[in-house]
Amino acid sequence: MTDFAALHQADTPLLLPNAWDFASAAALHAAGFPAIGTSSLGVAATHGLPDGHGRTRAETLALARSLSRLPCPVTVDIEAGFSDDPGEVADLAAELHHLGIAGINLEDSRPGQDRLADPSDHAELVEAVKTRAPGLFVNARTDTHWLNDNPPPLTEVLDRARQYVGAGADCVFVPGLTDPTDIAALAGGIPVPINILYSPGLDLTELGVGRVSLGSLLFRAALHAATGLARTIRAGEPIPEGIPGYRDIERLIPLTP
């Protein structure tokens, strides 16, 4: 299997698509993506639950168990770890690693509270995970630019990032960070790759970015396409060409026994 960490060290950033079930992940793998992530929003919404409230531990673990069948690295979004207890978060991480999952995404916003954890507390979670599962790739996410309309200065982001790296994080994810100067400064300010959320028109190749995540974009686009097609049929209009036939699904989505 591809070395997941090495994918973050290539000349161009790793473009990581985020799936929400086995079918979407298998189709993305078949489309040639070398690694697959999961979307916490996609997983939560698929099960009728809110994202970011720490309520999808069982669903996330079940999906991870299913995705471990894929012959490519898989990284799983576990929100804030589904617990404030470092031991419990480490237990989950160890279970995922035992399944063959390559990495996790662990965020420092706290369930349902729209607030950031104290960086030392989140660093403790990261350290607990790396102690229990040292081979698991930890993408430490900080929501400084995700929760705030007026994000803090980059110095605060760097301080959080350095604490997480010091605790063992393999990568730092700052969704919502879009300023090229700040991205380059963050990339140059820590000794691990940085992860940025995809933003149209933002060229990240020259900024030192190691990974670009698509987040919930594909899930939202899939719902949009499905409802749009249903409206087209309801209106009596012809459906667009290119939709695979029923018997093409196993070719497009490798369904292993």
Foldseek 3Di string as FASTA:
>chain_A
DDDPQVLLVDLFAQEEEADQAQLRQLLVVLVPRQEYEHFQCSVQVVVPHHGQQLPCLVSQLVRLLSNLPDPHAYEYENEQQSDLDLQSSLVSLLSSVVSVHAEYEHEQDHHPPLDGHDLLSSLSSLLSNCVSPVRHAYAYEYAQQPSDPDGDDLVVVLVSVQSNVVSPHQEYEYENDQDLVSLLCSLVSDDHAYEYEDDPPGRCSPSRHRHYYPHCVVVVVVVVVVVVQVVCVVVVHDGDPDDDDPVCSCVSRVDDD
